[in-house]
Protein backbone atom coordinates (compact mmCIF):
# COMPACT_ATOMS: atom_id res chain seq x y z
CA MET A 1 -61.05 77.83 -91.53
CA ASP A 2 -59.73 75.25 -89.08
CA ASN A 3 -58.23 78.00 -86.98
CA ILE A 4 -61.53 79.83 -87.07
CA LYS A 5 -63.45 76.71 -86.08
CA LEU A 6 -60.98 76.06 -83.27
CA THR A 7 -61.39 79.57 -82.01
CA SER A 8 -65.15 79.18 -82.05
CA ASN A 9 -64.94 75.94 -80.07
CA GLU A 10 -62.72 77.61 -77.52
CA LYS A 11 -65.25 80.40 -77.13
CA GLU A 12 -68.06 77.91 -76.67
CA THR A 13 -66.00 76.09 -74.05
CA GLN A 14 -65.32 79.35 -72.23
CA VAL A 15 -69.02 80.23 -72.26
CA LYS A 16 -69.88 76.83 -70.82
CA GLU A 17 -67.23 77.22 -68.14
CA GLN A 18 -68.59 80.65 -67.20
CA THR A 19 -72.19 79.46 -67.06
CA PRO A 20 -72.95 78.54 -63.43
CA THR A 21 -74.29 75.07 -62.85
CA ILE A 22 -77.37 74.57 -60.72
CA LYS A 23 -76.71 72.61 -57.55
CA THR A 24 -79.56 71.12 -55.56
CA TYR A 25 -79.47 71.18 -51.76
CA ASN A 26 -81.45 69.22 -49.20
CA ASP A 27 -82.16 72.16 -46.90
CA ILE A 28 -81.23 75.74 -45.95
CA ASP A 29 -78.29 74.72 -43.76
CA GLU A 30 -76.57 73.09 -46.72
CA VAL A 31 -77.08 76.24 -48.78
CA TYR A 32 -75.50 78.43 -46.11
CA GLU A 33 -72.50 76.12 -45.87
CA SER A 34 -71.98 76.54 -49.60
CA ILE A 35 -72.69 80.26 -50.19
CA GLY A 36 -71.39 81.52 -46.84
CA GLU A 37 -73.00 81.52 -43.41
CA TYR A 38 -72.29 85.08 -42.31
CA GLY A 39 -70.72 87.21 -45.02
CA ARG A 40 -70.55 90.96 -45.44
CA LYS A 41 -74.11 91.35 -46.73
CA LYS A 42 -75.55 89.28 -43.88
CA LYS A 43 -73.64 91.39 -41.37
CA ILE A 44 -75.18 94.52 -42.88
CA LEU A 45 -78.59 92.86 -42.65
CA SER A 46 -77.94 92.02 -38.97
CA PHE A 47 -77.11 95.66 -38.33
CA ILE A 48 -80.35 96.80 -39.98
CA ILE A 49 -82.39 94.33 -37.94
CA SER A 50 -80.61 95.39 -34.75
CA LEU A 51 -81.86 98.95 -35.26
CA PHE A 52 -85.32 97.74 -34.26
CA MET A 53 -83.86 96.93 -30.85
CA LEU A 54 -83.38 100.66 -30.24
CA CYS A 55 -87.11 101.25 -30.49
CA LEU A 56 -87.80 98.08 -28.52
CA ALA A 57 -85.38 98.81 -25.66
CA TRP A 58 -86.56 102.37 -25.15
CA ASN A 59 -90.12 101.19 -24.66
CA GLU A 60 -89.13 98.09 -22.69
CA LEU A 61 -88.29 99.82 -19.40
CA ALA A 62 -89.43 103.38 -20.01
CA TYR A 63 -92.32 102.80 -17.61
CA LEU A 64 -89.77 102.87 -14.77
CA PHE A 65 -89.18 106.55 -15.54
CA TYR A 66 -92.86 107.33 -16.18
CA GLY A 67 -93.73 106.22 -12.64
CA LEU A 68 -90.93 108.01 -10.76
CA ASP A 69 -91.92 109.90 -7.64
CA SER A 70 -90.45 113.24 -6.65
CA SER A 71 -89.05 114.73 -3.48
CA TRP A 72 -91.29 117.36 -1.87
CA HIS A 73 -91.14 120.50 0.22
CA CYS A 74 -93.45 122.73 2.26
CA ASN A 75 -95.04 125.69 0.56
CA LYS A 76 -95.28 127.78 3.73
CA PRO A 77 -93.16 126.32 6.51
CA HIS A 78 -94.15 127.28 10.05
CA ASN A 79 -91.79 128.57 12.70
CA LEU A 80 -89.82 125.72 14.17
CA THR A 81 -88.16 125.24 17.55
CA GLY A 82 -85.05 123.26 18.24
CA SER A 83 -87.07 120.41 19.74
CA GLN A 84 -88.73 119.81 16.39
CA TYR A 85 -85.54 118.47 14.83
CA ILE A 86 -83.98 115.06 15.00
CA GLU A 87 -80.40 114.04 14.36
CA PRO A 88 -79.15 114.48 10.77
CA VAL A 89 -80.71 111.92 8.43
CA VAL A 90 -78.83 110.85 5.31
CA ASN A 91 -80.71 111.99 2.27
CA LYS A 92 -79.95 109.91 -0.82
CA THR A 93 -81.09 112.23 -3.56
CA ASP A 94 -80.45 112.35 -7.24
CA ASP A 95 -77.41 114.44 -6.27
CA PRO A 96 -75.16 112.13 -4.22
CA GLY A 97 -73.62 113.61 -1.12
CA ASN A 98 -76.55 115.86 -0.15
CA PHE A 99 -77.54 115.69 3.53
CA ARG A 100 -80.46 117.30 5.34
CA ASN A 101 -82.12 117.53 8.74
CA ILE A 102 -85.71 116.32 8.82
CA PRO A 103 -88.20 117.56 11.46
CA VAL A 104 -90.23 115.08 13.46
CA ASN A 105 -93.42 116.90 14.32
CA MET A 106 -95.21 116.58 10.96
CA THR A 107 -98.82 115.73 11.66
CA ASN A 108 -101.42 118.07 10.25
CA THR A 109 -99.18 121.01 9.34
CA CYS A 110 -96.10 121.21 7.19
CA ASN A 111 -93.09 122.02 9.33
CA VAL A 112 -90.30 121.14 6.89
CA GLU A 113 -87.82 123.75 5.79
CA GLN A 114 -85.99 121.56 3.26
CA SER A 115 -86.86 118.91 0.70
CA VAL A 116 -87.76 115.37 1.68
CA THR A 117 -86.92 112.52 -0.71
CA SER A 118 -88.14 108.94 -0.98
CA TYR A 119 -85.01 107.81 0.89
CA ASP A 120 -85.87 109.86 3.97
CA GLU A 121 -87.64 108.23 6.89
CA ASN A 122 -90.40 110.84 6.90
CA PHE A 123 -91.13 110.80 3.19
CA ASN A 124 -94.69 109.45 3.66
CA MET A 125 -95.48 112.13 6.24
CA ARG A 126 -96.78 114.24 3.38
CA CYS A 127 -99.93 112.12 3.49
CA LYS A 128 -100.68 113.54 6.93
CA ILE A 129 -100.27 117.12 5.77
CA ASN A 130 -102.82 119.25 3.98
CA ARG A 131 -102.19 118.94 0.24
CA SER A 132 -102.18 122.70 -0.17
CA ASP A 133 -99.27 123.00 2.29
CA TRP A 134 -96.69 121.03 0.27
CA ASN A 135 -95.57 120.56 -3.32
CA PHE A 136 -93.26 118.43 -5.45
CA ASP A 137 -89.68 119.56 -6.01
CA ARG A 138 -89.91 118.41 -9.61
CA SER A 139 -92.08 120.11 -12.18
CA LYS A 140 -95.60 118.91 -12.76
CA SER A 141 -94.59 117.39 -16.10
CA PHE A 142 -91.78 115.29 -14.58
CA SER A 143 -93.75 112.03 -14.41
CA LEU A 144 -97.24 110.60 -14.24
CA VAL A 145 -97.00 110.79 -10.46
CA THR A 146 -96.31 114.52 -10.36
CA GLU A 147 -98.67 115.38 -13.20
CA MET A 148 -101.68 113.53 -11.81
CA ASP A 149 -100.75 113.77 -8.14
CA LEU A 150 -100.65 109.98 -7.72
CA VAL A 151 -99.57 109.92 -4.08
CA CYS A 152 -101.01 108.81 -0.74
CA ASP A 153 -104.53 107.50 -1.38
CA LYS A 154 -103.83 107.55 -5.14
CA GLU A 155 -100.49 105.78 -4.87
CA TYR A 156 -101.96 102.51 -6.11
CA LEU A 157 -102.67 104.21 -9.45
CA ALA A 158 -98.98 105.02 -9.82
CA SER A 159 -98.22 101.38 -9.09
CA LEU A 160 -100.38 100.39 -12.05
CA VAL A 161 -97.89 102.09 -14.37
CA LEU A 162 -95.08 100.01 -12.91
CA TYR A 163 -96.90 96.68 -12.69
CA PHE A 164 -99.61 96.88 -15.34
CA THR A 165 -97.39 97.37 -18.39
CA PRO A 166 -95.54 94.01 -18.15
CA CYS A 167 -98.92 92.29 -18.26
CA GLY A 168 -99.43 93.72 -21.75
CA ARG A 169 -96.63 91.49 -22.94
CA LEU A 170 -98.73 88.46 -22.11
CA ILE A 171 -101.33 89.72 -24.57
CA GLY A 172 -98.46 90.18 -27.00
CA LEU A 173 -98.18 86.41 -27.27
CA ILE A 174 -101.06 86.55 -29.78
CA PRO A 175 -99.44 88.78 -32.44
CA ALA A 176 -96.09 87.08 -31.75
CA ALA A 177 -97.60 83.69 -32.58
CA LEU A 178 -98.86 85.10 -35.89
CA CYS A 179 -95.23 85.34 -37.09
CA ASP A 180 -95.38 81.66 -38.02
CA LYS A 181 -98.54 82.14 -40.06
CA TYR A 182 -98.00 85.47 -41.82
CA GLY A 183 -94.23 85.81 -41.71
CA ARG A 184 -91.65 87.55 -39.57
CA LYS A 185 -91.38 90.72 -41.64
CA PRO A 186 -95.07 91.81 -41.76
CA ILE A 187 -95.54 91.29 -38.01
CA LEU A 188 -92.31 93.16 -37.24
CA PHE A 189 -93.31 96.26 -39.18
CA LEU A 190 -96.93 96.12 -38.03
CA SER A 191 -95.76 95.94 -34.40
CA THR A 192 -93.40 98.87 -34.94
CA LEU A 193 -96.20 100.94 -36.46
CA MET A 194 -98.63 100.15 -33.64
CA LEU A 195 -96.00 100.96 -31.04
CA GLY A 196 -95.41 104.37 -32.61
CA ILE A 197 -99.14 105.15 -32.89
CA ALA A 198 -99.77 104.15 -29.26
CA ASN A 199 -96.99 106.45 -28.05
CA VAL A 200 -98.38 109.39 -30.02
CA VAL A 201 -101.88 108.82 -28.62
CA GLY A 202 -100.42 108.56 -25.11
CA TYR A 203 -98.57 111.83 -25.56
CA PHE A 204 -101.74 113.78 -26.37
CA SER A 205 -104.01 112.05 -23.86
CA TYR A 206 -104.61 113.41 -20.35
CA ASN A 207 -106.97 110.64 -19.31
CA TYR A 208 -105.23 108.17 -17.01
CA ILE A 209 -107.16 105.15 -18.31
CA VAL A 210 -106.31 106.02 -21.91
CA ILE A 211 -102.65 106.41 -20.98
CA LEU A 212 -102.67 102.98 -19.36
CA ILE A 213 -104.28 101.51 -22.46
CA THR A 214 -101.59 103.02 -24.69
CA LEU A 215 -98.91 101.58 -22.42
CA LEU A 216 -100.68 98.23 -22.67
CA ILE A 217 -100.62 98.45 -26.47
CA THR A 218 -96.93 99.33 -26.61
CA THR A 219 -95.96 96.45 -24.34
CA THR A 220 -98.24 94.10 -26.30
CA PHE A 221 -96.46 94.75 -29.58
CA GLN A 222 -93.04 94.73 -27.96
CA CYS A 223 -93.52 90.99 -27.48
CA SER A 224 -94.20 90.41 -31.18
CA MET A 225 -91.25 92.66 -32.09
CA ILE A 226 -88.92 90.52 -29.99
CA ALA A 227 -90.23 87.32 -31.58
CA SER A 228 -89.78 88.75 -35.08
CA VAL A 229 -86.33 90.29 -34.59
CA VAL A 230 -84.81 87.31 -32.78
CA THR A 231 -86.16 84.67 -35.16
CA MET A 232 -85.16 86.68 -38.25
CA SER A 233 -81.63 87.09 -36.91
CA CYS A 234 -81.31 83.41 -36.11
CA GLU A 235 -82.91 82.14 -39.33
CA SER A 236 -80.92 84.36 -41.69
CA VAL A 237 -77.57 82.65 -41.04
CA GLY A 238 -76.04 79.18 -40.98
CA PRO A 239 -75.63 76.91 -37.94
CA LYS A 240 -72.08 78.04 -37.13
CA ALA A 241 -73.07 81.72 -37.10
CA ARG A 242 -76.32 81.33 -35.16
CA SER A 243 -74.77 82.14 -31.80
CA PHE A 244 -73.20 85.38 -32.99
CA ALA A 245 -76.11 86.59 -35.13
CA ALA A 246 -78.80 85.78 -32.56
CA GLN A 247 -76.94 87.40 -29.67
CA ILE A 248 -75.19 90.40 -31.21
CA ILE A 249 -78.53 92.14 -31.73
CA TRP A 250 -78.81 92.32 -27.93
CA ALA A 251 -75.71 94.53 -27.95
CA SER A 252 -77.87 97.18 -29.57
CA PHE A 253 -80.48 96.52 -26.87
CA SER A 254 -77.88 97.11 -24.15
CA VAL A 255 -76.60 100.36 -25.62
CA SER A 256 -80.17 101.54 -26.16
CA LEU A 257 -81.07 100.97 -22.50
CA SER A 258 -78.10 103.08 -21.47
CA LEU A 259 -79.23 105.80 -23.86
CA LEU A 260 -82.70 105.56 -22.30
CA ALA A 261 -81.25 106.67 -18.96
CA VAL A 262 -79.47 109.55 -20.69
CA VAL A 263 -82.65 110.62 -22.50
CA ALA A 264 -84.67 110.41 -19.27
CA TYR A 265 -82.06 112.50 -17.46
CA LEU A 266 -81.83 115.16 -20.18
CA ILE A 267 -85.59 115.25 -20.76
CA PRO A 268 -87.19 115.21 -17.28
CA GLN A 269 -90.67 115.45 -18.77
CA TRP A 270 -92.34 112.13 -19.32
CA ARG A 271 -94.61 113.22 -22.19
CA ILE A 272 -91.82 114.75 -24.26
CA MET A 273 -89.65 111.76 -23.46
CA ARG A 274 -92.37 109.45 -24.77
CA LEU A 275 -92.73 111.50 -27.94
CA VAL A 276 -88.97 111.36 -28.54
CA MET A 277 -89.09 107.58 -28.24
CA THR A 278 -91.72 107.55 -30.98
CA ILE A 279 -89.38 109.00 -33.61
CA PRO A 280 -87.30 105.81 -34.14
CA ALA A 281 -90.48 103.74 -34.62
CA PHE A 282 -91.66 105.77 -37.61
CA LEU A 283 -88.16 106.06 -39.09
CA LEU A 284 -87.76 102.28 -38.98
CA LEU A 285 -90.81 101.88 -41.21
CA LEU A 286 -88.69 103.33 -44.05
CA LEU A 287 -86.53 100.18 -43.97
CA TRP A 288 -89.30 97.96 -45.38
CA LYS A 289 -87.60 97.26 -48.70
CA TYR A 290 -84.22 96.62 -47.06
CA VAL A 291 -85.47 93.92 -44.68
CA PRO A 292 -86.22 90.58 -46.39
CA GLU A 293 -88.49 87.85 -45.14
CA SER A 294 -86.80 84.97 -43.33
CA PRO A 295 -85.65 82.47 -46.00
CA ARG A 296 -86.30 79.59 -43.62
CA TRP A 297 -89.90 80.71 -43.11
CA LEU A 298 -90.39 81.04 -46.86
CA TYR A 299 -88.90 77.59 -47.42
CA VAL A 300 -91.01 75.87 -44.76
CA ASN A 301 -94.17 77.51 -46.12
CA GLY A 302 -93.62 76.24 -49.65
CA ARG A 303 -92.31 79.50 -51.14
CA THR A 304 -89.04 77.92 -52.21
CA GLU A 305 -88.31 80.25 -55.13
CA GLU A 306 -88.65 83.32 -52.91
CA ALA A 307 -86.39 81.68 -50.34
CA ILE A 308 -83.74 81.06 -53.00
CA GLU A 309 -84.02 84.67 -54.16
CA VAL A 310 -83.38 85.96 -50.62
CA LEU A 311 -80.48 83.55 -50.13
CA LEU A 312 -78.77 84.68 -53.33
CA ARG A 313 -79.44 88.37 -52.72
CA TYR A 314 -77.57 88.28 -49.42
CA SER A 315 -74.79 85.98 -50.60
CA ASP A 316 -71.33 87.42 -51.20
CA LYS A 317 -70.73 84.88 -53.96
CA LYS A 318 -71.65 85.88 -57.49
CA ASN A 319 -72.84 83.96 -60.56
CA ILE A 320 -74.21 81.01 -58.64
CA LYS A 321 -77.46 79.13 -59.06
CA ILE A 322 -79.04 76.90 -56.47
CA ALA A 323 -82.10 74.72 -56.08
CA LEU A 324 -83.79 73.45 -52.94
CA LYS A 325 -85.68 70.25 -52.46
CA ASP A 326 -89.23 71.04 -51.45
CA ILE A 327 -90.41 70.16 -47.98
CA GLN A 328 -91.98 66.73 -48.21
CA GLU A 329 -95.74 66.63 -47.95
CA ASN A 330 -95.66 64.07 -45.15
CA ASN A 331 -93.64 66.43 -42.98
CA ASN A 332 -96.07 67.97 -40.52
CA LYS A 333 -95.26 71.69 -40.16
CA GLY A 334 -97.05 71.80 -36.82
CA SER A 335 -99.27 74.29 -35.03
CA LEU A 336 -99.67 75.96 -31.66
CA LEU A 337 -101.65 72.95 -30.45
CA ASP A 338 -98.62 70.70 -30.94
CA LEU A 339 -96.77 72.63 -28.23
CA PHE A 340 -99.27 71.15 -25.76
CA THR A 341 -99.84 67.69 -27.29
CA ASN A 342 -96.40 66.61 -28.52
CA TRP A 343 -94.53 65.14 -25.53
CA GLU A 344 -91.10 66.19 -26.81
CA LEU A 345 -92.31 69.76 -27.17
CA ILE A 346 -94.12 69.71 -23.83
CA LYS A 347 -90.84 68.85 -22.09
CA LYS A 348 -89.14 71.75 -23.85
CA ASP A 349 -92.00 74.08 -22.91
CA ILE A 350 -91.73 73.20 -19.23
CA ILE A 351 -87.94 73.35 -19.04
CA TYR A 352 -87.48 76.60 -20.95
CA GLY A 353 -90.55 78.14 -19.35
CA ILE A 354 -89.15 77.62 -15.84
CA ILE A 355 -85.63 78.69 -16.82
CA ASN A 356 -86.68 81.91 -18.53
CA PHE A 357 -89.23 82.74 -15.82
CA CYS A 358 -86.52 82.57 -13.17
CA MET A 359 -84.03 84.35 -15.43
CA ALA A 360 -86.47 87.22 -15.99
CA ILE A 361 -86.95 87.74 -12.24
CA ILE A 362 -83.17 87.88 -11.76
CA TYR A 363 -82.54 90.09 -14.80
CA PHE A 364 -85.34 92.62 -14.32
CA GLY A 365 -85.03 92.46 -10.55
CA ILE A 366 -81.41 93.56 -10.68
CA SER A 367 -82.28 96.24 -13.24
CA ILE A 368 -84.98 97.67 -10.98
CA ALA A 369 -82.84 97.33 -7.86
CA ALA A 370 -80.31 99.63 -9.53
CA SER A 371 -81.98 102.55 -7.75
CA PHE A 372 -80.97 101.08 -4.40
CA LEU A 373 -77.26 100.57 -5.13
CA SER A 374 -75.45 103.93 -5.03
CA GLY A 375 -78.39 106.32 -4.70
CA ASN A 376 -78.33 107.77 -8.22
CA PHE A 377 -81.00 105.99 -10.26
CA TYR A 378 -80.00 107.40 -13.67
CA PHE A 379 -76.30 106.65 -13.26
CA ASP A 380 -76.83 103.14 -11.88
CA PHE A 381 -79.42 102.28 -14.53
CA ALA A 382 -77.16 103.41 -17.39
CA LEU A 383 -74.06 101.72 -16.00
CA ILE A 384 -75.75 98.42 -15.24
CA SER A 385 -77.42 98.41 -18.67
CA LEU A 386 -74.11 99.08 -20.38
CA THR A 387 -72.53 96.04 -18.73
CA GLU A 388 -74.67 93.90 -21.03
CA PHE A 389 -72.49 94.81 -24.01
CA PRO A 390 -69.33 92.97 -22.87
CA ALA A 391 -71.60 90.27 -21.44
CA ILE A 392 -72.96 89.58 -24.91
CA LEU A 393 -69.45 89.19 -26.33
CA VAL A 394 -68.55 86.74 -23.55
CA SER A 395 -71.83 84.87 -24.13
CA ILE A 396 -71.06 84.52 -27.84
CA TYR A 397 -67.56 83.23 -27.13
CA GLY A 398 -68.70 80.84 -24.42
CA SER A 399 -71.65 79.54 -26.46
CA ASN A 400 -69.41 78.79 -29.44
CA LYS A 401 -66.47 77.41 -27.49
CA TYR A 402 -68.07 75.49 -24.63
CA GLY A 403 -71.77 75.32 -25.53
CA ARG A 404 -74.95 77.16 -24.54
CA LYS A 405 -75.76 75.04 -21.50
CA PRO A 406 -72.33 75.14 -19.76
CA THR A 407 -72.08 78.90 -20.36
CA THR A 408 -75.46 79.41 -18.75
CA MET A 409 -74.79 77.30 -15.68
CA VAL A 410 -71.30 78.60 -14.92
CA THR A 411 -72.31 82.26 -15.16
CA LEU A 412 -75.42 81.59 -13.05
CA PHE A 413 -73.14 80.37 -10.28
CA PHE A 414 -71.13 83.61 -10.33
CA CYS A 415 -74.38 85.56 -10.53
CA PHE A 416 -75.49 83.83 -7.32
CA LEU A 417 -72.27 84.87 -5.55
CA THR A 418 -72.67 88.53 -6.54
CA ILE A 419 -76.28 88.61 -5.37
CA ILE A 420 -75.15 87.29 -2.00
CA GLY A 421 -72.58 90.08 -1.96
CA ILE A 422 -75.29 92.72 -2.47
CA ALA A 423 -77.41 91.19 0.28
CA VAL A 424 -74.56 91.01 2.78
CA VAL A 425 -73.12 94.50 2.27
CA PRO A 426 -75.38 97.01 4.06
CA ALA A 427 -76.82 99.98 2.21
CA SER A 428 -74.90 103.15 2.97
CA ASP A 429 -74.44 106.78 2.04
CA PRO A 430 -73.53 107.65 -1.56
CA GLY A 431 -69.78 107.74 -2.08
CA THR A 432 -68.94 105.48 0.88
CA THR A 433 -67.04 102.21 0.64
CA ASN A 434 -70.19 100.11 1.15
CA SER A 435 -72.05 102.06 -1.53
CA LYS A 436 -69.23 101.55 -4.04
CA LEU A 437 -68.97 97.88 -3.13
CA ARG A 438 -72.70 97.33 -3.65
CA SER A 439 -72.47 99.06 -7.03
CA CYS A 440 -69.61 96.76 -8.06
CA PHE A 441 -71.56 93.68 -7.01
CA GLY A 442 -74.61 94.99 -8.88
CA ILE A 443 -72.62 95.56 -12.06
CA LEU A 444 -71.04 92.11 -11.88
CA CYS A 445 -74.43 90.54 -11.18
CA LYS A 446 -75.98 92.18 -14.24
CA PHE A 447 -72.92 91.10 -16.25
CA PHE A 448 -73.25 87.43 -15.32
CA VAL A 449 -77.04 87.24 -15.58
CA SER A 450 -76.89 88.87 -19.03
CA ILE A 451 -74.47 86.17 -20.19
CA SER A 452 -76.76 83.46 -18.86
CA PHE A 453 -79.90 85.02 -20.27
CA ASN A 454 -78.46 85.38 -23.77
CA ALA A 455 -77.05 81.86 -23.83
CA VAL A 456 -80.19 80.13 -22.57
CA TYR A 457 -82.45 82.19 -24.85
CA LEU A 458 -80.35 81.07 -27.82
CA LEU A 459 -80.71 77.52 -26.55
CA ALA A 460 -84.49 77.89 -26.59
CA ILE A 461 -84.49 79.35 -30.10
CA GLU A 462 -82.46 76.45 -31.48
CA SER A 463 -84.56 73.80 -29.74
CA TYR A 464 -87.74 74.43 -31.75
CA PRO A 465 -88.38 73.90 -35.49
CA THR A 466 -88.80 76.85 -37.85
CA SER A 467 -92.46 76.04 -38.55
CA ILE A 468 -93.49 76.76 -34.94
CA ARG A 469 -90.47 78.69 -33.65
CA SER A 470 -92.26 82.01 -33.16
CA GLN A 471 -95.19 80.32 -31.43
CA ALA A 472 -92.81 78.45 -29.14
CA LEU A 473 -90.86 81.62 -28.40
CA SER A 474 -94.17 83.27 -27.58
CA LEU A 475 -94.59 80.80 -24.74
CA VAL A 476 -91.00 81.35 -23.65
CA ASN A 477 -91.50 85.11 -23.81
CA GLY A 478 -94.72 84.66 -21.86
CA ALA A 479 -92.74 83.08 -19.03
CA ILE A 480 -90.28 85.96 -19.25
CA MET A 481 -93.06 88.52 -19.08
CA VAL A 482 -94.62 86.85 -16.03
CA GLY A 483 -91.25 87.07 -14.35
CA ASN A 484 -90.96 90.67 -15.51
CA ALA A 485 -94.36 91.45 -14.00
CA ILE A 486 -93.47 89.81 -10.68
CA ALA A 487 -90.03 91.43 -10.36
CA PRO A 488 -91.28 94.98 -9.54
CA TRP A 489 -93.68 93.69 -6.88
CA MET A 490 -90.99 91.56 -5.34
CA ILE A 491 -88.10 94.04 -5.44
CA LEU A 492 -89.94 97.26 -4.60
CA GLY A 493 -92.53 95.72 -2.31
CA LEU A 494 -90.18 93.62 -0.19
CA ASN A 495 -87.64 96.44 -0.14
CA LYS A 496 -90.07 98.42 2.02
CA VAL A 497 -90.10 95.56 4.51
CA ASN A 498 -86.35 94.93 4.53
CA PRO A 499 -83.86 95.98 1.82
CA LYS A 500 -82.03 92.64 2.08
CA ILE A 501 -85.04 90.36 1.59
CA PRO A 502 -85.39 90.89 -2.20
CA PHE A 503 -81.77 89.93 -2.82
CA TRP A 504 -81.91 86.79 -0.66
CA LEU A 505 -85.05 85.76 -2.53
CA VAL A 506 -83.41 86.41 -5.92
CA ALA A 507 -80.41 84.34 -4.77
CA ALA A 508 -82.75 81.42 -3.98
CA ILE A 509 -84.39 81.75 -7.41
CA THR A 510 -80.94 81.68 -9.00
CA VAL A 511 -80.24 78.33 -7.35
CA ALA A 512 -83.59 76.95 -8.57
CA ASN A 513 -82.79 78.20 -12.07
CA GLY A 514 -79.45 76.41 -12.06
CA ILE A 515 -81.19 73.15 -11.16
CA ALA A 516 -83.69 73.62 -14.02
CA CYS A 517 -80.84 74.20 -16.48
CA CYS A 518 -79.55 70.69 -15.76
CA PHE A 519 -82.53 69.30 -17.70
CA ALA A 520 -81.95 71.41 -20.85
CA THR A 521 -80.44 69.80 -23.96
CA GLU A 522 -77.33 71.28 -25.57
CA SER A 523 -77.83 72.59 -29.14
CA LYS A 524 -74.27 73.60 -30.05
CA GLY A 525 -73.25 72.26 -33.46
CA LYS A 526 -76.62 70.70 -34.20
CA PRO A 527 -78.52 71.44 -37.44
CA THR A 528 -81.52 73.75 -37.45
CA LEU A 529 -84.86 71.97 -37.17
CA GLU A 530 -87.30 73.05 -39.86
CA VAL A 531 -90.54 71.07 -39.41
CA LEU A 532 -92.26 69.22 -36.58
CA SER A 533 -91.42 65.75 -37.87
CA GLN A 534 -87.72 66.46 -37.23
CA VAL A 535 -88.29 66.97 -33.49
CA GLY A 536 -86.68 64.08 -31.65
CA HIS A 537 -84.91 62.93 -34.84
CA THR A 538 -82.02 65.36 -34.99
CA ASN A 539 -79.49 62.58 -35.50
CA GLU A 540 -81.23 61.51 -38.69
CA LYS A 541 -80.92 65.01 -40.10
CA GLU A 542 -77.25 65.13 -39.11
CA ASP A 543 -76.65 61.89 -40.99
CA ILE A 544 -78.32 63.36 -44.09
CA LEU A 545 -76.14 66.47 -43.93
CA LEU A 546 -72.95 64.45 -43.47
CA THR A 547 -73.86 62.15 -46.37
CA ALA A 548 -74.67 65.10 -48.64
CA ALA A 549 -71.39 66.79 -47.70
């Protein structure tokens, strides 16, 4: 009997040893440090979230392809004499290395035997020719310009496609701000759905106003998609993994932009291209049950049990139980109004607003200027977009090793040097030494500005508490979108005056951006702020974490 009793006691002891004890943590950061900050399951979750960047990237700069103009030719060229020709003019077409002679006497009749592209001196002469005497080289379905004949006196309508869509992102600040009230997940999927619906409506519509409205809707919900994806990526990991998780999703953005150029090249019909870009949006809706709500958002909004459930579901450790101390009632979670009344937040708003505004002009300006580098828009766009991938890896390494702020400022300096290089080297024929040199400078410029942009955006994310992070990022994104809206006017408009002026102006903005970065506060190694009352008291939270550890 004694042996039996002993055996029973041993079994009871084993059961007690196997029963996990409940450990209480002060906040989410402590939980991540215990259960793992970025394990296998969280990496899979990051991959799933990054898939939304494919849909986002394709719609981000697709308007550049929608508004492309086409070379043109005469329908019935007249007989020409030798005096009607000028010396050979370099024609930078989509096919590098193609050269043509362009006639000079083009007033009221079409006297051109060969195609004239936008790079030719006499490209705008078509406005002095009867419309029935010339036609586009591209098919009618190539772009909005060719389909609706948006040239000459209608050229301003084509410009609306290029300049009007970034303005939609300013409206997108409204749904983006709702992420803090209704959660990251619902707004993300709602934005994806609306983006898909708008693209379908735009595909079937032949009314220019309706098409513009659909483009406005897509760009509006792109802003809320960015806010949702970035905050979810950052809030789903621990402090040490924030840099990697928040920036690696942009690798998918980079690859997607390169694929956008490939899709545009293979599908030279803007309507079909837009419909193809709709497919990922509807497929992503199937991932609803695989994408959890941000545990930090759940925790801050009093849904502690749900937050614990998400934390345990994506933990690689098994048979563990945890408890979280509830957010204290006297901790003010904050609202959008606090971004304009709290002095600490106002300083952040101004600093990160200026930095990201300037960064957007540099980033999008170089992306748009890709068409002026080697002469092949599709190739340059894809190559420059692809340079973001290694830039992200360097940004992650630099942010973790040296900090977000030093990484931003050092790479901005090199970005400035490459912009000067583009401005100094004169534009030349495709395939020449100058053309190749400008392309190299352009690639390096996009590389360095991508590093800076990723690092400083992470800095902005980490500088605001969870309770108002999406609303704060909405303001930051608003500054980015204003810069995005200005970039096309500045690059394309000033390029018509002098091709060097846009790059000298961007170089000056880069210097101003570097000065603004001096006022930013480093966030490397600091705990994640959760509620408004922690703003300006980070050291107190660090002391709590160290004591608890």
